[in-house]
Structure formats: C-alpha cells, structure tokens
Amino acid sequence: MKTKKIIIINAVLVVAVIVSLVINSAANSLRVVSSPNGSGVSPTAILKIAFSNELDSQSPYQRFILRPQAEGAVQVKGDSIEFRPLFRLVGNTDYKIIVEGVRSASGKYIERSAHSFKTGSLKLSSFEQSLPISGDGFSIELLETGHVSVLIFSSPTGEKEAAARKILSDGGVADERITVEKTSSSRY
C-alpha cells in the first residue's frame, strides 16, 4: 500500500515537471504568425514570413533557402523576414522556404521553419499588356520581374514622374511595383 502511494506521488511529480517544461518551452519559443502558403501565390509577390516577436537586428537568422532557387534579396523588417525576387517566380510551381536559426530580439529561437506554397499564373491586365508606352519626356515598360519601370529623360522630372505615376495608377498598377529612373539622355 505504501509503495503504491510512493509510485502515485512520483508519477504526479513527473507529470508536474513535464507540464512545467512544456509551459516554459512554449514561453521561450518564437512562433511563425504568417507565411506564404496554399496555391495561387503571385509570381511577383514579396515572400514574407512574420514571427511572434521582433527579430534580432544583429543576427536575425542563420540561413534562408528558397527551393527551387530564385535570385533576390532577403531583408529583415521588425518581426518579419522578406524575400524580394529579382525576377518573377515561375508560375504554377511548388516552392518551399526554409529559414534556419531564427532569433528574436528577446532571445527566443526557432531552429528550423519550413513553408510550402504554389505560385499561380501571372495575370497581366490589358493595360499591362499594352506596355511599353511613351509619354512626353518619359517611357513606361513592363520588366521580366512583373514590376514596371518608368524612365524619365527630360525636365522637370517631378512633373514627368507624377504624370507617369498617374497613368500607372489609372491602369491599376500598384505603387510598390513601380521603379523610377531619371536620366539626362533620351532613349527614344
């Protein structure tokens, strides 16, 4: 009888220790809040993985992998890691992002985080399909990345840029897809 009580007490203590470890582990872990997932992700999208805490500014992660590979830049912004493809991703393709050694500013850590998604096809509006176009002192063209380039080659550049941005806005092109370059020579 006494042995049963000791076994029960020991079992309760073991369960209490395990519960305590699980609670402490959850409190000290970094969680993924959002990431690209599912299908239909735009081939021109900025791929963003958001975490539950702001990331360490000095060493936010050890390794970022995108499969299949694509050229681009990885940036850390607050609680997120973003990948900006240099060129649009291949449409209707399965991708996987793996981030290793992610650390928050408060010391929370994820050893490895993997995310899968499938790109959709690039849908260009009839306006985007009509590019390139030329205006008075500027030209607008669609780049391979899906972004839109505005080349301004005459003064006043502020007015030319405003006119080009209005054309693009009226055509439904999001501002973050627009790159403006100013030059003193005309290409046309």
N, C-alpha and C. Protein backbone atom coordinates (compact mmCIF):
# COMPACT_ATOMS: atom_id res chain seq x y z
N MET A 1 0.82 -1.19 0.00
CA MET A 1 0.00 0.00 0.00
C MET A 1 0.87 1.26 0.00
N LYS A 2 1.91 1.24 0.86
CA LYS A 2 2.81 2.38 0.95
C LYS A 2 3.56 2.56 -0.37
N THR A 3 3.93 1.46 -1.03
CA THR A 3 4.64 1.50 -2.30
C THR A 3 3.76 2.12 -3.38
N LYS A 4 2.45 1.80 -3.40
CA LYS A 4 1.52 2.38 -4.37
C LYS A 4 1.45 3.89 -4.20
N LYS A 5 1.39 4.36 -2.96
CA LYS A 5 1.33 5.80 -2.70
C LYS A 5 2.59 6.50 -3.21
N ILE A 6 3.73 5.89 -3.00
CA ILE A 6 5.00 6.47 -3.45
C ILE A 6 5.03 6.52 -4.98
N ILE A 7 4.56 5.46 -5.62
CA ILE A 7 4.51 5.42 -7.08
C ILE A 7 3.58 6.50 -7.61
N ILE A 8 2.42 6.66 -6.99
CA ILE A 8 1.46 7.68 -7.42
C ILE A 8 2.05 9.07 -7.22
N ILE A 9 2.67 9.31 -6.08
CA ILE A 9 3.27 10.62 -5.81
C ILE A 9 4.37 10.92 -6.82
N ASN A 10 5.21 9.92 -7.11
CA ASN A 10 6.29 10.10 -8.09
C ASN A 10 5.71 10.38 -9.48
N ALA A 11 4.64 9.67 -9.84
CA ALA A 11 4.02 9.88 -11.15
C ALA A 11 3.46 11.30 -11.26
N VAL A 12 2.84 11.79 -10.18
CA VAL A 12 2.30 13.15 -10.17
C VAL A 12 3.44 14.16 -10.29
N LEU A 13 4.54 13.93 -9.60
CA LEU A 13 5.69 14.83 -9.68
C LEU A 13 6.28 14.84 -11.09
N VAL A 14 6.38 13.69 -11.73
CA VAL A 14 6.92 13.61 -13.09
C VAL A 14 6.01 14.37 -14.05
N VAL A 15 4.70 14.20 -13.93
CA VAL A 15 3.76 14.93 -14.78
C VAL A 15 3.88 16.43 -14.55
N ALA A 16 4.01 16.86 -13.30
CA ALA A 16 4.16 18.29 -12.99
C ALA A 16 5.44 18.85 -13.61
N VAL A 17 6.52 18.11 -13.57
CA VAL A 17 7.78 18.56 -14.16
C VAL A 17 7.63 18.67 -15.68
N ILE A 18 7.01 17.68 -16.31
CA ILE A 18 6.81 17.71 -17.76
C ILE A 18 5.94 18.89 -18.16
N VAL A 19 4.85 19.12 -17.45
CA VAL A 19 3.97 20.26 -17.75
C VAL A 19 4.74 21.56 -17.59
N SER A 20 5.55 21.68 -16.56
CA SER A 20 6.35 22.88 -16.34
C SER A 20 7.34 23.10 -17.49
N LEU A 21 7.98 22.03 -17.94
CA LEU A 21 8.93 22.15 -19.06
C LEU A 21 8.22 22.57 -20.34
N VAL A 22 7.05 22.01 -20.60
CA VAL A 22 6.30 22.37 -21.80
C VAL A 22 5.88 23.83 -21.75
N ILE A 23 5.40 24.30 -20.62
CA ILE A 23 4.97 25.69 -20.48
C ILE A 23 6.16 26.62 -20.65
N ASN A 24 7.29 26.31 -20.01
CA ASN A 24 8.48 27.15 -20.15
C ASN A 24 9.01 27.14 -21.57
N SER A 25 8.97 25.99 -22.21
CA SER A 25 9.43 25.90 -23.59
C SER A 25 8.56 26.74 -24.51
N ALA A 26 7.25 26.70 -24.34
CA ALA A 26 6.33 27.50 -25.16
C ALA A 26 6.54 28.98 -24.92
N ALA A 27 6.81 29.36 -23.68
CA ALA A 27 7.01 30.78 -23.36
C ALA A 27 8.30 31.31 -23.97
N ASN A 28 9.29 30.43 -24.16
CA ASN A 28 10.57 30.87 -24.70
C ASN A 28 10.73 30.60 -26.19
N SER A 29 9.68 30.14 -26.85
CA SER A 29 9.82 29.85 -28.27
C SER A 29 9.28 30.99 -29.11
N LEU A 30 9.83 31.09 -30.29
CA LEU A 30 9.40 32.05 -31.29
C LEU A 30 8.45 31.32 -32.21
N ARG A 31 7.32 31.93 -32.54
CA ARG A 31 6.32 31.28 -33.39
C ARG A 31 6.18 32.01 -34.71
N VAL A 32 5.84 31.26 -35.75
CA VAL A 32 5.53 31.85 -37.05
C VAL A 32 4.07 32.29 -36.99
N VAL A 33 3.82 33.55 -37.34
CA VAL A 33 2.47 34.10 -37.33
C VAL A 33 1.83 33.97 -38.71
N SER A 34 2.61 34.22 -39.76
CA SER A 34 2.08 34.09 -41.12
C SER A 34 3.23 33.84 -42.09
N SER A 35 2.88 33.21 -43.21
CA SER A 35 3.86 32.93 -44.25
C SER A 35 3.11 32.65 -45.55
N PRO A 36 3.83 32.67 -46.68
CA PRO A 36 3.16 32.30 -47.93
C PRO A 36 2.71 30.84 -47.81
N ASN A 37 1.48 30.56 -48.18
CA ASN A 37 1.01 29.18 -48.13
C ASN A 37 -0.11 28.96 -49.12
N GLY A 38 -0.42 27.72 -49.36
CA GLY A 38 -1.50 27.40 -50.28
C GLY A 38 -1.07 27.58 -51.72
N SER A 39 -2.07 27.74 -52.58
CA SER A 39 -1.77 27.91 -54.00
C SER A 39 -2.26 29.27 -54.46
N GLY A 40 -1.78 29.67 -55.62
CA GLY A 40 -2.20 30.95 -56.18
C GLY A 40 -1.40 32.13 -55.70
N VAL A 41 -0.23 31.90 -55.06
CA VAL A 41 0.63 33.00 -54.63
C VAL A 41 1.17 33.67 -55.90
N SER A 42 1.08 34.98 -55.96
CA SER A 42 1.52 35.72 -57.15
C SER A 42 3.01 35.50 -57.42
N PRO A 43 3.38 35.24 -58.67
CA PRO A 43 4.80 35.10 -59.00
C PRO A 43 5.61 36.38 -58.77
N THR A 44 4.95 37.51 -58.59
CA THR A 44 5.66 38.77 -58.33
C THR A 44 5.59 39.18 -56.86
N ALA A 45 5.03 38.31 -56.02
CA ALA A 45 4.83 38.66 -54.61
C ALA A 45 6.15 38.76 -53.86
N ILE A 46 6.16 39.63 -52.86
CA ILE A 46 7.24 39.66 -51.89
C ILE A 46 6.88 38.58 -50.88
N LEU A 47 7.77 37.62 -50.67
CA LEU A 47 7.50 36.49 -49.78
C LEU A 47 7.87 36.90 -48.36
N LYS A 48 6.88 36.91 -47.48
CA LYS A 48 7.07 37.43 -46.12
C LYS A 48 6.70 36.36 -45.10
N ILE A 49 7.62 36.14 -44.15
CA ILE A 49 7.36 35.25 -43.03
C ILE A 49 7.37 36.12 -41.78
N ALA A 50 6.23 36.19 -41.11
CA ALA A 50 6.11 37.03 -39.91
C ALA A 50 6.18 36.14 -38.66
N PHE A 51 6.88 36.63 -37.65
CA PHE A 51 7.06 35.89 -36.40
C PHE A 51 6.35 36.59 -35.25
N SER A 52 6.28 35.91 -34.12
CA SER A 52 5.54 36.42 -32.96
C SER A 52 6.26 37.54 -32.22
N ASN A 53 7.54 37.74 -32.49
CA ASN A 53 8.31 38.77 -31.82
C ASN A 53 9.22 39.47 -32.83
N GLU A 54 9.66 40.68 -32.48
CA GLU A 54 10.63 41.40 -33.31
C GLU A 54 11.92 40.59 -33.35
N LEU A 55 12.54 40.54 -34.53
CA LEU A 55 13.75 39.74 -34.71
C LEU A 55 15.00 40.49 -34.28
N ASP A 56 16.01 39.74 -33.91
CA ASP A 56 17.31 40.28 -33.52
C ASP A 56 17.90 41.03 -34.72
N SER A 57 18.26 42.28 -34.53
CA SER A 57 18.75 43.08 -35.65
C SER A 57 20.17 42.70 -36.05
N GLN A 58 20.95 42.12 -35.15
CA GLN A 58 22.35 41.77 -35.45
C GLN A 58 22.47 40.42 -36.15
N SER A 59 21.74 39.42 -35.69
CA SER A 59 21.78 38.09 -36.33
C SER A 59 20.39 37.46 -36.29
N PRO A 60 19.48 37.96 -37.14
CA PRO A 60 18.10 37.51 -37.09
C PRO A 60 17.89 36.07 -37.55
N TYR A 61 18.75 35.56 -38.45
CA TYR A 61 18.64 34.18 -38.91
C TYR A 61 20.01 33.72 -39.41
N GLN A 62 20.17 32.39 -39.47
CA GLN A 62 21.45 31.84 -39.93
C GLN A 62 21.41 31.51 -41.42
N ARG A 63 20.26 31.02 -41.90
CA ARG A 63 20.20 30.58 -43.28
C ARG A 63 18.79 30.71 -43.84
N PHE A 64 18.68 31.21 -45.09
CA PHE A 64 17.40 31.34 -45.80
C PHE A 64 17.54 30.56 -47.11
N ILE A 65 16.61 29.63 -47.34
CA ILE A 65 16.67 28.79 -48.54
C ILE A 65 15.31 28.88 -49.25
N LEU A 66 15.35 29.07 -50.56
CA LEU A 66 14.14 29.01 -51.38
C LEU A 66 14.39 27.95 -52.44
N ARG A 67 13.46 26.98 -52.50
CA ARG A 67 13.56 25.90 -53.48
C ARG A 67 12.29 25.84 -54.30
N PRO A 68 12.34 25.78 -55.64
CA PRO A 68 13.55 25.94 -56.43
C PRO A 68 14.14 27.33 -56.21
N GLN A 69 15.43 27.45 -56.48
CA GLN A 69 16.14 28.69 -56.22
C GLN A 69 15.64 29.82 -57.11
N ALA A 70 15.74 31.02 -56.57
CA ALA A 70 15.43 32.24 -57.33
C ALA A 70 16.35 33.34 -56.83
N GLU A 71 16.76 34.19 -57.73
CA GLU A 71 17.60 35.32 -57.33
C GLU A 71 16.72 36.35 -56.63
N GLY A 72 17.29 37.00 -55.62
CA GLY A 72 16.55 38.02 -54.91
C GLY A 72 17.29 38.47 -53.68
N ALA A 73 16.63 39.32 -52.90
CA ALA A 73 17.23 39.88 -51.69
C ALA A 73 16.39 39.52 -50.48
N VAL A 74 17.08 39.12 -49.41
CA VAL A 74 16.42 38.82 -48.14
C VAL A 74 16.60 40.04 -47.24
N GLN A 75 15.50 40.50 -46.66
CA GLN A 75 15.53 41.64 -45.74
C GLN A 75 14.81 41.28 -44.46
N VAL A 76 15.27 41.86 -43.36
CA VAL A 76 14.59 41.71 -42.08
C VAL A 76 13.93 43.04 -41.76
N LYS A 77 12.63 42.99 -41.47
CA LYS A 77 11.88 44.19 -41.13
C LYS A 77 11.07 43.91 -39.87
N GLY A 78 11.58 44.37 -38.73
CA GLY A 78 10.86 44.18 -37.47
C GLY A 78 10.70 42.72 -37.12
N ASP A 79 9.46 42.23 -37.21
CA ASP A 79 9.17 40.84 -36.84
C ASP A 79 9.13 39.91 -38.06
N SER A 80 9.61 40.38 -39.21
CA SER A 80 9.46 39.61 -40.45
C SER A 80 10.76 39.44 -41.22
N ILE A 81 10.82 38.34 -41.97
CA ILE A 81 11.87 38.12 -42.96
C ILE A 81 11.17 38.15 -44.31
N GLU A 82 11.67 39.00 -45.22
CA GLU A 82 11.07 39.13 -46.54
C GLU A 82 12.08 38.72 -47.62
N PHE A 83 11.55 38.07 -48.64
CA PHE A 83 12.36 37.75 -49.82
C PHE A 83 11.74 38.48 -50.99
N ARG A 84 12.53 39.35 -51.64
CA ARG A 84 12.08 40.09 -52.81
C ARG A 84 12.75 39.48 -54.04
N PRO A 85 11.98 38.74 -54.84
CA PRO A 85 12.59 38.13 -56.03
C PRO A 85 13.09 39.19 -57.00
N LEU A 86 14.27 38.95 -57.58
CA LEU A 86 14.82 39.85 -58.58
C LEU A 86 13.99 39.75 -59.86
N PHE A 87 13.58 38.53 -60.20
CA PHE A 87 12.70 38.27 -61.34
C PHE A 87 11.47 37.54 -60.82
N ARG A 88 10.38 37.62 -61.55
CA ARG A 88 9.18 36.94 -61.08
C ARG A 88 9.46 35.43 -60.97
N LEU A 89 8.79 34.81 -60.00
CA LEU A 89 8.92 33.37 -59.81
C LEU A 89 8.21 32.64 -60.95
N VAL A 90 8.55 31.40 -61.15
CA VAL A 90 7.92 30.61 -62.20
C VAL A 90 6.47 30.33 -61.79
N GLY A 91 5.55 30.59 -62.69
CA GLY A 91 4.13 30.37 -62.40
C GLY A 91 3.79 28.90 -62.28
N ASN A 92 2.72 28.61 -61.52
CA ASN A 92 2.21 27.25 -61.33
C ASN A 92 3.30 26.28 -60.89
N THR A 93 4.10 26.71 -59.92
CA THR A 93 5.24 25.92 -59.44
C THR A 93 5.18 25.80 -57.92
N ASP A 94 5.50 24.61 -57.40
CA ASP A 94 5.58 24.39 -55.95
C ASP A 94 6.92 24.92 -55.44
N TYR A 95 6.87 25.74 -54.40
CA TYR A 95 8.07 26.31 -53.78
C TYR A 95 8.10 25.94 -52.31
N LYS A 96 9.31 25.97 -51.75
CA LYS A 96 9.48 25.74 -50.33
C LYS A 96 10.49 26.75 -49.80
N ILE A 97 10.14 27.40 -48.69
CA ILE A 97 11.06 28.32 -48.00
C ILE A 97 11.47 27.63 -46.70
N ILE A 98 12.77 27.63 -46.45
CA ILE A 98 13.29 27.10 -45.18
C ILE A 98 14.13 28.20 -44.56
N VAL A 99 13.83 28.52 -43.30
CA VAL A 99 14.63 29.51 -42.56
C VAL A 99 15.17 28.78 -41.34
N GLU A 100 16.46 28.90 -41.14
CA GLU A 100 17.10 28.22 -40.01
C GLU A 100 17.72 29.23 -39.05
N GLY A 101 17.68 28.88 -37.77
CA GLY A 101 18.34 29.69 -36.75
C GLY A 101 17.76 31.07 -36.58
N VAL A 102 16.43 31.18 -36.53
CA VAL A 102 15.78 32.49 -36.38
C VAL A 102 15.78 32.88 -34.90
N ARG A 103 16.22 34.11 -34.62
CA ARG A 103 16.32 34.58 -33.23
C ARG A 103 15.62 35.92 -33.08
N SER A 104 14.84 36.03 -32.00
CA SER A 104 14.16 37.30 -31.73
C SER A 104 15.07 38.21 -30.91
N ALA A 105 14.68 39.47 -30.83
CA ALA A 105 15.44 40.45 -30.06
C ALA A 105 15.49 40.07 -28.58
N SER A 106 14.46 39.36 -28.11
CA SER A 106 14.41 38.96 -26.70
C SER A 106 15.04 37.59 -26.45
N GLY A 107 15.66 37.01 -27.50
CA GLY A 107 16.37 35.74 -27.32
C GLY A 107 15.56 34.49 -27.63
N LYS A 108 14.30 34.64 -28.03
CA LYS A 108 13.52 33.46 -28.40
C LYS A 108 14.05 32.92 -29.72
N TYR A 109 13.83 31.64 -29.98
CA TYR A 109 14.56 30.98 -31.06
C TYR A 109 13.70 29.92 -31.75
N ILE A 110 13.87 29.82 -33.08
CA ILE A 110 13.32 28.70 -33.85
C ILE A 110 14.50 28.09 -34.59
N GLU A 111 14.70 26.80 -34.41
CA GLU A 111 15.82 26.13 -35.07
C GLU A 111 15.60 26.04 -36.58
N ARG A 112 14.37 25.66 -36.98
CA ARG A 112 14.08 25.49 -38.41
C ARG A 112 12.60 25.72 -38.65
N SER A 113 12.29 26.47 -39.68
CA SER A 113 10.91 26.75 -40.03
C SER A 113 10.76 26.56 -41.54
N ALA A 114 9.83 25.68 -41.96
CA ALA A 114 9.65 25.38 -43.38
C ALA A 114 8.23 25.76 -43.82
N HIS A 115 8.11 26.32 -45.02
CA HIS A 115 6.83 26.81 -45.54
C HIS A 115 6.71 26.45 -47.01
N SER A 116 5.59 25.87 -47.40
CA SER A 116 5.37 25.48 -48.79
C SER A 116 4.23 26.28 -49.39
N PHE A 117 4.36 26.59 -50.68
CA PHE A 117 3.30 27.30 -51.38
C PHE A 117 3.43 27.01 -52.87
N LYS A 118 2.40 27.34 -53.61
CA LYS A 118 2.42 27.17 -55.06
C LYS A 118 2.06 28.49 -55.70
N THR A 119 2.86 28.89 -56.69
CA THR A 119 2.56 30.13 -57.40
C THR A 119 1.41 29.91 -58.36
N GLY A 120 0.68 30.96 -58.59
CA GLY A 120 -0.36 30.96 -59.62
C GLY A 120 0.27 31.45 -60.92
N SER A 121 -0.55 31.66 -61.89
CA SER A 121 -0.03 32.21 -63.14
C SER A 121 -0.04 33.73 -63.04
N LEU A 122 0.87 34.37 -63.75
CA LEU A 122 0.93 35.83 -63.74
C LEU A 122 -0.21 36.35 -64.60
N LYS A 123 -1.07 37.11 -63.99
CA LYS A 123 -2.20 37.68 -64.72
C LYS A 123 -1.90 39.16 -64.97
N LEU A 124 -1.74 39.50 -66.23
CA LEU A 124 -1.49 40.89 -66.59
C LEU A 124 -2.80 41.53 -67.02
N SER A 125 -3.00 42.74 -66.58
CA SER A 125 -4.18 43.49 -67.00
C SER A 125 -4.01 43.87 -68.47
N SER A 126 -5.10 44.25 -69.10
CA SER A 126 -4.99 44.69 -70.50
C SER A 126 -4.08 45.91 -70.59
N PHE A 127 -4.07 46.76 -69.55
CA PHE A 127 -3.17 47.91 -69.53
C PHE A 127 -1.71 47.43 -69.54
N GLU A 128 -1.38 46.47 -68.64
CA GLU A 128 -0.01 45.98 -68.56
C GLU A 128 0.41 45.30 -69.87
N GLN A 129 -0.53 44.65 -70.53
CA GLN A 129 -0.23 44.00 -71.80
C GLN A 129 0.05 45.03 -72.90
N SER A 130 -0.43 46.25 -72.71
CA SER A 130 -0.21 47.30 -73.71
C SER A 130 1.16 47.97 -73.58
N LEU A 131 1.90 47.66 -72.50
CA LEU A 131 3.22 48.26 -72.30
C LEU A 131 4.22 47.64 -73.26
N PRO A 132 5.23 48.36 -73.75
CA PRO A 132 5.69 49.67 -73.31
C PRO A 132 4.91 50.81 -73.97
N ILE A 133 4.90 51.94 -73.29
CA ILE A 133 4.32 53.15 -73.85
C ILE A 133 5.29 54.31 -73.60
N SER A 134 5.16 55.36 -74.41
CA SER A 134 5.98 56.55 -74.23
C SER A 134 5.08 57.75 -73.99
N GLY A 135 5.54 58.64 -73.12
CA GLY A 135 4.83 59.87 -72.87
C GLY A 135 5.75 61.04 -73.18
N ASP A 136 5.33 62.22 -72.82
CA ASP A 136 6.12 63.43 -73.04
C ASP A 136 7.27 63.46 -72.04
N GLY A 137 8.46 63.00 -72.44
CA GLY A 137 9.62 63.03 -71.57
C GLY A 137 9.79 61.80 -70.70
N PHE A 138 9.03 60.74 -70.94
CA PHE A 138 9.19 59.52 -70.15
C PHE A 138 8.73 58.31 -70.95
N SER A 139 9.19 57.13 -70.51
CA SER A 139 8.72 55.87 -71.09
C SER A 139 8.38 54.93 -69.94
N ILE A 140 7.44 54.02 -70.21
CA ILE A 140 7.00 53.05 -69.21
C ILE A 140 7.08 51.67 -69.85
N GLU A 141 7.72 50.72 -69.14
CA GLU A 141 7.79 49.36 -69.68
C GLU A 141 7.62 48.33 -68.56
N LEU A 142 7.13 47.16 -68.94
CA LEU A 142 6.95 46.04 -68.02
C LEU A 142 8.24 45.22 -68.01
N LEU A 143 8.78 44.99 -66.81
CA LEU A 143 10.02 44.22 -66.68
C LEU A 143 9.70 42.72 -66.53
N GLU A 144 10.71 41.87 -66.72
CA GLU A 144 10.53 40.43 -66.56
C GLU A 144 10.07 40.06 -65.17
N THR A 145 10.39 40.88 -64.20
CA THR A 145 10.03 40.60 -62.82
C THR A 145 8.55 40.81 -62.55
N GLY A 146 7.85 41.45 -63.50
CA GLY A 146 6.46 41.82 -63.26
C GLY A 146 6.35 43.24 -62.73
N HIS A 147 7.49 43.86 -62.43
CA HIS A 147 7.49 45.24 -61.99
C HIS A 147 7.45 46.15 -63.21
N VAL A 148 7.16 47.41 -62.98
CA VAL A 148 7.03 48.39 -64.06
C VAL A 148 8.12 49.43 -63.89
N SER A 149 8.84 49.71 -64.98
CA SER A 149 9.93 50.68 -64.97
C SER A 149 9.47 51.96 -65.65
N VAL A 150 9.74 53.08 -65.00
CA VAL A 150 9.49 54.40 -65.59
C VAL A 150 10.84 55.05 -65.79
N LEU A 151 11.15 55.41 -67.03
CA LEU A 151 12.39 56.11 -67.34
C LEU A 151 12.03 57.55 -67.70
N ILE A 152 12.53 58.49 -66.90
CA ILE A 152 12.26 59.92 -67.14
C ILE A 152 13.51 60.53 -67.75
N PHE A 153 13.36 61.15 -68.93
CA PHE A 153 14.54 61.67 -69.61
C PHE A 153 14.44 63.14 -69.98
N SER A 154 13.52 63.89 -69.37
CA SER A 154 13.52 65.33 -69.59
C SER A 154 13.02 66.04 -68.34
N SER A 155 13.33 67.32 -68.25
CA SER A 155 12.92 68.14 -67.10
C SER A 155 11.58 68.79 -67.38
N PRO A 156 10.84 69.19 -66.39
CA PRO A 156 11.05 68.94 -64.97
C PRO A 156 10.67 67.50 -64.60
N THR A 157 11.58 66.80 -63.93
CA THR A 157 11.40 65.37 -63.66
C THR A 157 10.24 65.10 -62.71
N GLY A 158 10.00 65.99 -61.76
CA GLY A 158 8.89 65.80 -60.81
C GLY A 158 7.54 65.73 -61.52
N GLU A 159 7.34 66.63 -62.48
CA GLU A 159 6.09 66.63 -63.24
C GLU A 159 5.97 65.39 -64.12
N LYS A 160 7.08 64.96 -64.74
CA LYS A 160 7.06 63.78 -65.60
C LYS A 160 6.76 62.53 -64.77
N GLU A 161 7.39 62.44 -63.60
CA GLU A 161 7.14 61.28 -62.73
C GLU A 161 5.68 61.25 -62.28
N ALA A 162 5.14 62.41 -61.91
CA ALA A 162 3.73 62.48 -61.48
C ALA A 162 2.80 62.04 -62.61
N ALA A 163 3.10 62.48 -63.85
CA ALA A 163 2.27 62.11 -64.99
C ALA A 163 2.35 60.60 -65.24
N ALA A 164 3.56 60.03 -65.17
CA ALA A 164 3.73 58.58 -65.39
C ALA A 164 3.02 57.79 -64.29
N ARG A 165 3.17 58.22 -63.04
CA ARG A 165 2.52 57.51 -61.93
C ARG A 165 0.99 57.58 -62.06
N LYS A 166 0.46 58.70 -62.55
CA LYS A 166 -0.99 58.81 -62.74
C LYS A 166 -1.46 57.81 -63.80
N ILE A 167 -0.72 57.71 -64.89
CA ILE A 167 -1.06 56.73 -65.94
C ILE A 167 -1.07 55.32 -65.35
N LEU A 168 -0.05 55.00 -64.56
CA LEU A 168 0.06 53.67 -63.98
C LEU A 168 -1.03 53.42 -62.95
N SER A 169 -1.32 54.42 -62.13
CA SER A 169 -2.38 54.30 -61.14
C SER A 169 -3.73 54.08 -61.83
N ASP A 170 -3.99 54.87 -62.87
CA ASP A 170 -5.24 54.70 -63.63
C ASP A 170 -5.30 53.32 -64.28
N GLY A 171 -4.14 52.75 -64.60
CA GLY A 171 -4.08 51.41 -65.20
C GLY A 171 -4.13 50.29 -64.17
N GLY A 172 -4.20 50.65 -62.88
CA GLY A 172 -4.32 49.64 -61.82
C GLY A 172 -3.01 49.04 -61.36
N VAL A 173 -1.87 49.68 -61.65
CA VAL A 173 -0.57 49.16 -61.24
C VAL A 173 -0.28 49.64 -59.81
N ALA A 174 -0.02 48.69 -58.91
CA ALA A 174 0.27 49.03 -57.51
C ALA A 174 1.60 49.78 -57.41
N ASP A 175 1.65 50.77 -56.55
CA ASP A 175 2.82 51.64 -56.39
C ASP A 175 4.10 50.85 -56.08
N GLU A 176 3.99 49.76 -55.27
CA GLU A 176 5.19 49.01 -54.90
C GLU A 176 5.80 48.25 -56.08
N ARG A 177 5.11 48.17 -57.20
CA ARG A 177 5.65 47.51 -58.40
C ARG A 177 6.36 48.49 -59.33
N ILE A 178 6.37 49.78 -58.97
CA ILE A 178 6.91 50.81 -59.86
C ILE A 178 8.33 51.19 -59.45
N THR A 179 9.24 51.20 -60.43
CA THR A 179 10.61 51.66 -60.24
C THR A 179 10.81 52.86 -61.16
N VAL A 180 11.33 53.96 -60.60
CA VAL A 180 11.54 55.17 -61.40
C VAL A 180 13.04 55.42 -61.53
N GLU A 181 13.45 55.70 -62.77
CA GLU A 181 14.85 56.02 -63.03
C GLU A 181 14.86 57.34 -63.83
N LYS A 182 15.76 58.25 -63.45
CA LYS A 182 15.86 59.54 -64.13
C LYS A 182 17.20 59.60 -64.86
N THR A 183 17.17 60.05 -66.09
CA THR A 183 18.38 60.16 -66.89
C THR A 183 18.37 61.47 -67.66
N SER A 184 19.51 61.91 -68.09
CA SER A 184 19.58 63.16 -68.84
C SER A 184 19.55 62.94 -70.34
N SER A 185 19.57 61.68 -70.79
CA SER A 185 19.54 61.42 -72.22
C SER A 185 18.26 60.69 -72.60
N SER A 186 17.84 60.87 -73.81
CA SER A 186 16.63 60.23 -74.31
C SER A 186 16.97 58.90 -74.97
N ARG A 187 16.15 57.88 -74.72
CA ARG A 187 16.32 56.60 -75.40
C ARG A 187 15.51 56.55 -76.67
N TYR A 188 14.62 57.49 -76.85
CA TYR A 188 13.68 57.43 -77.98
C TYR A 188 13.87 58.60 -78.92
